[in-house]
């Protein structure tokens, strides 16, 4: 069982290397001491959280600049439409669409929901 776990982990993962500046290395050690996590686990968690934050920033920026729709922006962020709307509210971003746009977005979400159930 132990051997198959690591075989599967290697199959689903890819090893990368990077140079970490000293000030970041110090912060990583401090976080390790606070969390009790090993370095790899902590770095994976930080990378996951950082990627999610950057995706959200890009999605919000694209939405604000009118480059993407509300639905497309939520997809870029990797969150539900409702979560994306909550994030826009938290950031005091006004919605940029008409009532017709809102109805269209709602119909798309309902249709996707129906397709997932079947």
C-alpha atoms as a PDB file:
ATOM      1  CA  UNK A   1       0.000   0.000   0.000  1.00  0.00           C
ATOM      2  CA  UNK A   2       2.779   2.459   0.903  1.00  0.00           C
ATOM      3  CA  UNK A   3       4.553   1.781  -2.379  1.00  0.00           C
ATOM      4  CA  UNK A   4       1.391   2.270  -4.470  1.00  0.00           C
ATOM      5  CA  UNK A   5       0.670   5.596  -2.716  1.00  0.00           C
ATOM      6  CA  UNK A   6       4.043   7.027  -3.736  1.00  0.00           C
ATOM      7  CA  UNK A   7       3.748   5.602  -7.252  1.00  0.00           C
ATOM      8  CA  UNK A   8       0.411   7.358  -7.652  1.00  0.00           C
ATOM      9  CA  UNK A   9       1.757  10.569  -6.101  1.00  0.00           C
ATOM     10  CA  UNK A  10       4.658  10.599  -8.561  1.00  0.00           C
ATOM     11  CA  UNK A  11       2.303   9.954 -11.465  1.00  0.00           C
ATOM     12  CA  UNK A  12       0.076  12.906 -10.496  1.00  0.00           C
ATOM     13  CA  UNK A  13       2.887  15.277  -9.563  1.00  0.00           C
ATOM     14  CA  UNK A  14       5.809  16.932 -11.218  1.00  0.00           C
ATOM     15  CA  UNK A  15       8.978  17.919  -9.453  1.00  0.00           C
ATOM     16  CA  UNK A  16      10.171  21.495  -9.971  1.00  0.00           C
ATOM     17  CA  UNK A  17      13.032  23.428  -8.506  1.00  0.00           C
ATOM     18  CA  UNK A  18      13.394  27.110  -7.771  1.00  0.00           C
ATOM     19  CA  UNK A  19      15.750  29.506  -6.075  1.00  0.00           C
ATOM     20  CA  UNK A  20      14.211  31.066  -2.971  1.00  0.00           C
ATOM     21  CA  UNK A  21      15.493  34.455  -1.807  1.00  0.00           C
ATOM     22  CA  UNK A  22      16.823  34.512   1.762  1.00  0.00           C
ATOM     23  CA  UNK A  23      14.028  36.699   3.121  1.00  0.00           C
ATOM     24  CA  UNK A  24      11.436  34.251   1.807  1.00  0.00           C
ATOM     25  CA  UNK A  25      13.378  31.273   3.137  1.00  0.00           C
ATOM     26  CA  UNK A  26      13.288  32.863   6.593  1.00  0.00           C
ATOM     27  CA  UNK A  27       9.516  33.360   6.321  1.00  0.00           C
ATOM     28  CA  UNK A  28       9.075  29.754   5.216  1.00  0.00           C
ATOM     29  CA  UNK A  29      11.011  28.509   8.245  1.00  0.00           C
ATOM     30  CA  UNK A  30       8.898  30.716  10.522  1.00  0.00           C
ATOM     31  CA  UNK A  31       5.691  29.336   9.021  1.00  0.00           C
ATOM     32  CA  UNK A  32       6.984  25.788   9.356  1.00  0.00           C
ATOM     33  CA  UNK A  33       7.588  26.398  13.052  1.00  0.00           C
ATOM     34  CA  UNK A  34       4.097  27.849  13.465  1.00  0.00           C
ATOM     35  CA  UNK A  35       2.265  25.149  11.511  1.00  0.00           C
ATOM     36  CA  UNK A  36       4.410  22.108  12.202  1.00  0.00           C
ATOM     37  CA  UNK A  37       4.263  21.226   8.505  1.00  0.00           C
ATOM     38  CA  UNK A  38       7.191  19.869   6.563  1.00  0.00           C
ATOM     39  CA  UNK A  39       8.637  22.159   3.912  1.00  0.00           C
ATOM     40  CA  UNK A  40       7.076  20.399   0.914  1.00  0.00           C
ATOM     41  CA  UNK A  41       3.573  20.374   2.401  1.00  0.00           C
ATOM     42  CA  UNK A  42       3.805  24.020   3.400  1.00  0.00           C
ATOM     43  CA  UNK A  43       5.124  25.095  -0.004  1.00  0.00           C
ATOM     44  CA  UNK A  44       2.372  23.169  -1.815  1.00  0.00           C
ATOM     45  CA  UNK A  45      -0.241  24.861   0.383  1.00  0.00           C
ATOM     46  CA  UNK A  46       1.285  28.311  -0.192  1.00  0.00           C
ATOM     47  CA  UNK A  47       1.511  27.716  -3.929  1.00  0.00           C
ATOM     48  CA  UNK A  48      -2.103  26.545  -4.085  1.00  0.00           C
ATOM     49  CA  UNK A  49      -3.317  29.563  -2.133  1.00  0.00           C
ATOM     50  CA  UNK A  50      -1.165  31.967  -4.134  1.00  0.00           C
ATOM     51  CA  UNK A  51      -2.373  30.585  -7.452  1.00  0.00           C
ATOM     52  CA  UNK A  52      -5.997  30.920  -6.340  1.00  0.00           C
ATOM     53  CA  UNK A  53      -5.412  34.538  -5.299  1.00  0.00           C
ATOM     54  CA  UNK A  54      -3.669  35.449  -8.552  1.00  0.00           C
ATOM     55  CA  UNK A  55      -6.391  33.788 -10.629  1.00  0.00           C
ATOM     56  CA  UNK A  56      -8.996  35.816  -8.724  1.00  0.00           C
ATOM     57  CA  UNK A  57      -7.038  39.053  -9.255  1.00  0.00           C
ATOM     58  CA  UNK A  58      -6.786  38.382 -12.992  1.00  0.00           C
ATOM     59  CA  UNK A  59     -10.478  37.477 -13.207  1.00  0.00           C
ATOM     60  CA  UNK A  60     -11.574  40.618 -11.336  1.00  0.00           C
ATOM     61  CA  UNK A  61      -9.251  42.816 -13.398  1.00  0.00           C
ATOM     62  CA  UNK A  62     -10.524  41.323 -16.666  1.00  0.00           C
ATOM     63  CA  UNK A  63     -14.111  41.823 -15.533  1.00  0.00           C
ATOM     64  CA  UNK A  64     -13.539  45.431 -14.425  1.00  0.00           C
ATOM     65  CA  UNK A  65     -11.846  46.273 -17.743  1.00  0.00           C
ATOM     66  CA  UNK A  66     -14.684  44.653 -19.664  1.00  0.00           C
ATOM     67  CA  UNK A  67     -12.459  41.978 -21.199  1.00  0.00           C
ATOM     68  CA  UNK A  68     -14.544  39.077 -19.865  1.00  0.00           C
ATOM     69  CA  UNK A  69     -18.124  38.463 -18.834  1.00  0.00           C
ATOM     70  CA  UNK A  70     -19.196  37.707 -15.314  1.00  0.00           C
ATOM     71  CA  UNK A  71     -19.485  34.007 -16.133  1.00  0.00           C
ATOM     72  CA  UNK A  72     -16.105  33.817 -17.904  1.00  0.00           C
ATOM     73  CA  UNK A  73     -14.451  35.719 -15.063  1.00  0.00           C
ATOM     74  CA  UNK A  74     -15.812  33.256 -12.502  1.00  0.00           C
ATOM     75  CA  UNK A  75     -14.420  30.401 -14.636  1.00  0.00           C
ATOM     76  CA  UNK A  76     -10.987  32.068 -14.787  1.00  0.00           C
ATOM     77  CA  UNK A  77     -11.054  32.477 -11.006  1.00  0.00           C
ATOM     78  CA  UNK A  78     -12.048  28.837 -10.614  1.00  0.00           C
ATOM     79  CA  UNK A  79     -15.051  29.631  -8.425  1.00  0.00           C
ATOM     80  CA  UNK A  80     -18.812  29.535  -8.769  1.00  0.00           C
ATOM     81  CA  UNK A  81     -20.646  32.528 -10.163  1.00  0.00           C
ATOM     82  CA  UNK A  82     -22.066  33.226  -6.699  1.00  0.00           C
ATOM     83  CA  UNK A  83     -18.618  33.137  -5.088  1.00  0.00           C
ATOM     84  CA  UNK A  84     -17.319  35.497  -7.742  1.00  0.00           C
ATOM     85  CA  UNK A  85     -20.210  37.874  -7.099  1.00  0.00           C
ATOM     86  CA  UNK A  86     -19.353  37.778  -3.381  1.00  0.00           C
ATOM     87  CA  UNK A  87     -15.728  38.606  -4.197  1.00  0.00           C
ATOM     88  CA  UNK A  88     -16.789  41.554  -6.353  1.00  0.00           C
ATOM     89  CA  UNK A  89     -18.961  42.798  -3.485  1.00  0.00           C
ATOM     90  CA  UNK A  90     -16.047  42.499  -1.038  1.00  0.00           C
ATOM     91  CA  UNK A  91     -13.880  44.531  -3.421  1.00  0.00           C
ATOM     92  CA  UNK A  92     -16.641  47.114  -3.972  1.00  0.00           C
ATOM     93  CA  UNK A  93     -16.730  46.393  -7.695  1.00  0.00           C
ATOM     94  CA  UNK A  94     -19.947  47.461  -9.388  1.00  0.00           C
ATOM     95  CA  UNK A  95     -21.615  44.975 -11.693  1.00  0.00           C
ATOM     96  CA  UNK A  96     -21.190  45.895 -15.341  1.00  0.00           C
ATOM     97  CA  UNK A  97     -24.224  44.543 -17.066  1.00  0.00           C
ATOM     98  CA  UNK A  98     -27.823  45.265 -17.851  1.00  0.00           C
ATOM     99  CA  UNK A  99     -30.894  43.397 -16.688  1.00  0.00           C
ATOM    100  CA  UNK A 100     -30.867  41.478 -19.998  1.00  0.00           C
ATOM    101  CA  UNK A 101     -27.247  40.460 -19.359  1.00  0.00           C
ATOM    102  CA  UNK A 102     -28.167  39.319 -15.855  1.00  0.00           C
ATOM    103  CA  UNK A 103     -31.044  37.218 -17.151  1.00  0.00           C
ATOM    104  CA  UNK A 104     -28.793  35.662 -19.787  1.00  0.00           C
ATOM    105  CA  UNK A 105     -26.146  34.785 -17.176  1.00  0.00           C
ATOM    106  CA  UNK A 106     -28.778  33.253 -14.884  1.00  0.00           C
ATOM    107  CA  UNK A 107     -30.171  31.143 -17.731  1.00  0.00           C
ATOM    108  CA  UNK A 108     -26.661  29.902 -18.571  1.00  0.00           C
ATOM    109  CA  UNK A 109     -26.067  28.893 -14.957  1.00  0.00           C
ATOM    110  CA  UNK A 110     -29.432  27.128 -14.760  1.00  0.00           C
ATOM    111  CA  UNK A 111     -28.725  25.266 -18.012  1.00  0.00           C
ATOM    112  CA  UNK A 112     -25.281  24.182 -16.784  1.00  0.00           C
ATOM    113  CA  UNK A 113     -26.864  22.992 -13.556  1.00  0.00           C
ATOM    114  CA  UNK A 114     -29.409  20.929 -15.486  1.00  0.00           C
ATOM    115  CA  UNK A 115     -26.694  19.377 -17.656  1.00  0.00           C
ATOM    116  CA  UNK A 116     -24.676  18.372 -14.581  1.00  0.00           C
ATOM    117  CA  UNK A 117     -27.674  16.602 -13.034  1.00  0.00           C
ATOM    118  CA  UNK A 118     -28.176  14.394 -16.087  1.00  0.00           C
END
